[in-house]
């Protein structure tokens, strides 16, 4: 018998919870504010724990790039326990040449 939501993950999550509604919860300019509150570092990082298929992680990275100064190196890492979801997330960044490459390490690489 196959488990429907392995590790609590929902493989079609974004079909029911579109990115536009979720990213809209973050006020415009929030990443610049966070960057400034962090001391305006040359490298600015974000960790998305439980990234699922990576859709929100990718959009967060795009917003960060838009909101912080161009010279700032932005790093977004999405992690999830479900290897299949990590594979899906990684394939999205490779498939979209405009995507600024968030990282999705395999759960096995961290053990």
C-alpha atoms as a PDB file:
ATOM      1  CA  UNK A   1       0.000   0.000   0.000  1.00  0.00           C
ATOM      2  CA  UNK A   2       1.380   3.399  -1.022  1.00  0.00           C
ATOM      3  CA  UNK A   3       1.417   6.243   1.484  1.00  0.00           C
ATOM      4  CA  UNK A   4      -0.430   9.340   0.218  1.00  0.00           C
ATOM      5  CA  UNK A   5       1.646  12.030   1.921  1.00  0.00           C
ATOM      6  CA  UNK A   6       5.081  10.646   2.688  1.00  0.00           C
ATOM      7  CA  UNK A   7       6.715  12.524   5.601  1.00  0.00           C
ATOM      8  CA  UNK A   8       3.747  14.890   5.697  1.00  0.00           C
ATOM      9  CA  UNK A   9       4.531  16.238   2.212  1.00  0.00           C
ATOM     10  CA  UNK A  10       1.829  16.871  -0.327  1.00  0.00           C
ATOM     11  CA  UNK A  11       3.185  16.423  -3.862  1.00  0.00           C
ATOM     12  CA  UNK A  12       0.560  18.639  -5.534  1.00  0.00           C
ATOM     13  CA  UNK A  13       0.609  21.268  -2.777  1.00  0.00           C
ATOM     14  CA  UNK A  14       1.014  24.225  -5.120  1.00  0.00           C
ATOM     15  CA  UNK A  15      -2.006  23.135  -7.167  1.00  0.00           C
ATOM     16  CA  UNK A  16      -4.130  23.946  -4.114  1.00  0.00           C
ATOM     17  CA  UNK A  17      -2.024  26.756  -2.630  1.00  0.00           C
ATOM     18  CA  UNK A  18      -0.867  28.961  -5.542  1.00  0.00           C
ATOM     19  CA  UNK A  19       2.395  30.867  -5.173  1.00  0.00           C
ATOM     20  CA  UNK A  20       0.805  34.263  -5.889  1.00  0.00           C
ATOM     21  CA  UNK A  21      -1.333  34.070  -2.762  1.00  0.00           C
ATOM     22  CA  UNK A  22       1.548  32.935  -0.592  1.00  0.00           C
ATOM     23  CA  UNK A  23       4.170  35.410  -1.841  1.00  0.00           C
ATOM     24  CA  UNK A  24       1.590  38.220  -1.478  1.00  0.00           C
ATOM     25  CA  UNK A  25       1.734  37.629   2.282  1.00  0.00           C
ATOM     26  CA  UNK A  26       5.262  39.071   2.221  1.00  0.00           C
ATOM     27  CA  UNK A  27       5.098  42.846   2.007  1.00  0.00           C
ATOM     28  CA  UNK A  28       6.856  44.545  -0.881  1.00  0.00           C
ATOM     29  CA  UNK A  29      10.363  45.488   0.238  1.00  0.00           C
ATOM     30  CA  UNK A  30      10.519  42.924   3.055  1.00  0.00           C
ATOM     31  CA  UNK A  31      13.759  41.396   1.765  1.00  0.00           C
ATOM     32  CA  UNK A  32      15.470  44.775   1.578  1.00  0.00           C
ATOM     33  CA  UNK A  33      14.298  45.488   5.129  1.00  0.00           C
ATOM     34  CA  UNK A  34      15.627  42.131   6.343  1.00  0.00           C
ATOM     35  CA  UNK A  35      18.900  42.669   4.504  1.00  0.00           C
ATOM     36  CA  UNK A  36      19.353  46.106   6.129  1.00  0.00           C
ATOM     37  CA  UNK A  37      18.349  44.731   9.562  1.00  0.00           C
ATOM     38  CA  UNK A  38      21.059  42.064   9.078  1.00  0.00           C
ATOM     39  CA  UNK A  39      23.695  44.770   8.740  1.00  0.00           C
ATOM     40  CA  UNK A  40      23.613  45.047   4.915  1.00  0.00           C
ATOM     41  CA  UNK A  41      25.914  42.038   4.339  1.00  0.00           C
ATOM     42  CA  UNK A  42      27.628  41.322   1.006  1.00  0.00           C
ATOM     43  CA  UNK A  43      26.022  37.849   1.111  1.00  0.00           C
ATOM     44  CA  UNK A  44      22.369  37.480   2.058  1.00  0.00           C
ATOM     45  CA  UNK A  45      20.949  33.994   2.715  1.00  0.00           C
ATOM     46  CA  UNK A  46      17.493  32.494   3.140  1.00  0.00           C
ATOM     47  CA  UNK A  47      16.616  28.954   4.209  1.00  0.00           C
ATOM     48  CA  UNK A  48      13.280  27.458   3.160  1.00  0.00           C
ATOM     49  CA  UNK A  49      12.647  24.513   5.483  1.00  0.00           C
ATOM     50  CA  UNK A  50      10.101  22.103   4.022  1.00  0.00           C
ATOM     51  CA  UNK A  51      10.393  23.590   0.529  1.00  0.00           C
ATOM     52  CA  UNK A  52       8.146  20.964  -1.070  1.00  0.00           C
ATOM     53  CA  UNK A  53       8.456  21.254  -4.871  1.00  0.00           C
ATOM     54  CA  UNK A  54      10.448  24.498  -4.649  1.00  0.00           C
ATOM     55  CA  UNK A  55       7.948  26.867  -6.287  1.00  0.00           C
ATOM     56  CA  UNK A  56       7.875  29.287  -3.357  1.00  0.00           C
ATOM     57  CA  UNK A  57      11.642  28.968  -2.860  1.00  0.00           C
ATOM     58  CA  UNK A  58      12.267  30.031  -6.469  1.00  0.00           C
ATOM     59  CA  UNK A  59       9.863  32.968  -6.156  1.00  0.00           C
ATOM     60  CA  UNK A  60      11.502  34.065  -2.884  1.00  0.00           C
ATOM     61  CA  UNK A  61      14.860  34.119  -4.647  1.00  0.00           C
ATOM     62  CA  UNK A  62      13.449  36.214  -7.497  1.00  0.00           C
ATOM     63  CA  UNK A  63      11.969  38.699  -5.009  1.00  0.00           C
ATOM     64  CA  UNK A  64      15.248  38.881  -3.072  1.00  0.00           C
ATOM     65  CA  UNK A  65      17.172  39.638  -6.275  1.00  0.00           C
ATOM     66  CA  UNK A  66      14.673  42.362  -7.142  1.00  0.00           C
ATOM     67  CA  UNK A  67      14.670  43.992  -3.708  1.00  0.00           C
ATOM     68  CA  UNK A  68      18.276  44.001  -2.498  1.00  0.00           C
ATOM     69  CA  UNK A  69      21.123  45.886  -4.209  1.00  0.00           C
ATOM     70  CA  UNK A  70      22.521  44.193  -7.289  1.00  0.00           C
ATOM     71  CA  UNK A  71      26.007  43.809  -5.773  1.00  0.00           C
ATOM     72  CA  UNK A  72      24.648  41.621  -2.947  1.00  0.00           C
ATOM     73  CA  UNK A  73      25.097  37.876  -3.407  1.00  0.00           C
ATOM     74  CA  UNK A  74      21.752  36.208  -2.653  1.00  0.00           C
ATOM     75  CA  UNK A  75      21.636  32.564  -1.666  1.00  0.00           C
ATOM     76  CA  UNK A  76      18.412  30.670  -1.144  1.00  0.00           C
ATOM     77  CA  UNK A  77      18.489  27.041  -0.016  1.00  0.00           C
ATOM     78  CA  UNK A  78      15.369  24.890   0.024  1.00  0.00           C
ATOM     79  CA  UNK A  79      15.408  21.669   2.029  1.00  0.00           C
ATOM     80  CA  UNK A  80      12.860  18.908   2.357  1.00  0.00           C
ATOM     81  CA  UNK A  81      12.898  15.369   3.731  1.00  0.00           C
ATOM     82  CA  UNK A  82      11.208  13.980   0.633  1.00  0.00           C
ATOM     83  CA  UNK A  83      13.844  13.221  -2.020  1.00  0.00           C
ATOM     84  CA  UNK A  84      11.289  13.227  -4.832  1.00  0.00           C
ATOM     85  CA  UNK A  85      10.215  16.771  -3.959  1.00  0.00           C
ATOM     86  CA  UNK A  86      13.868  17.864  -3.833  1.00  0.00           C
ATOM     87  CA  UNK A  87      14.382  16.367  -7.321  1.00  0.00           C
ATOM     88  CA  UNK A  88      11.326  18.245  -8.593  1.00  0.00           C
ATOM     89  CA  UNK A  89      12.558  21.498  -7.060  1.00  0.00           C
ATOM     90  CA  UNK A  90      16.032  21.065  -8.561  1.00  0.00           C
ATOM     91  CA  UNK A  91      14.622  20.338 -12.025  1.00  0.00           C
ATOM     92  CA  UNK A  92      12.645  23.599 -11.948  1.00  0.00           C
ATOM     93  CA  UNK A  93      15.763  25.689 -11.517  1.00  0.00           C
ATOM     94  CA  UNK A  94      17.565  23.829 -14.295  1.00  0.00           C
ATOM     95  CA  UNK A  95      14.573  24.103 -16.651  1.00  0.00           C
ATOM     96  CA  UNK A  96      14.171  27.879 -16.325  1.00  0.00           C
ATOM     97  CA  UNK A  97      17.230  29.794 -17.604  1.00  0.00           C
ATOM     98  CA  UNK A  98      15.886  33.003 -15.986  1.00  0.00           C
ATOM     99  CA  UNK A  99      15.829  31.367 -12.558  1.00  0.00           C
ATOM    100  CA  UNK A 100      18.734  32.514 -10.399  1.00  0.00           C
ATOM    101  CA  UNK A 101      19.444  29.009  -9.042  1.00  0.00           C
ATOM    102  CA  UNK A 102      18.330  28.421  -5.490  1.00  0.00           C
ATOM    103  CA  UNK A 103      20.019  25.307  -4.126  1.00  0.00           C
ATOM    104  CA  UNK A 104      18.153  22.129  -3.180  1.00  0.00           C
ATOM    105  CA  UNK A 105      20.556  19.671  -1.506  1.00  0.00           C
ATOM    106  CA  UNK A 106      19.529  16.032  -1.403  1.00  0.00           C
ATOM    107  CA  UNK A 107      18.423  14.807   2.035  1.00  0.00           C
ATOM    108  CA  UNK A 108      20.978  12.001   1.682  1.00  0.00           C
ATOM    109  CA  UNK A 109      23.833  14.474   1.168  1.00  0.00           C
ATOM    110  CA  UNK A 110      23.240  15.965   4.604  1.00  0.00           C
ATOM    111  CA  UNK A 111      23.306  12.710   6.578  1.00  0.00           C
END
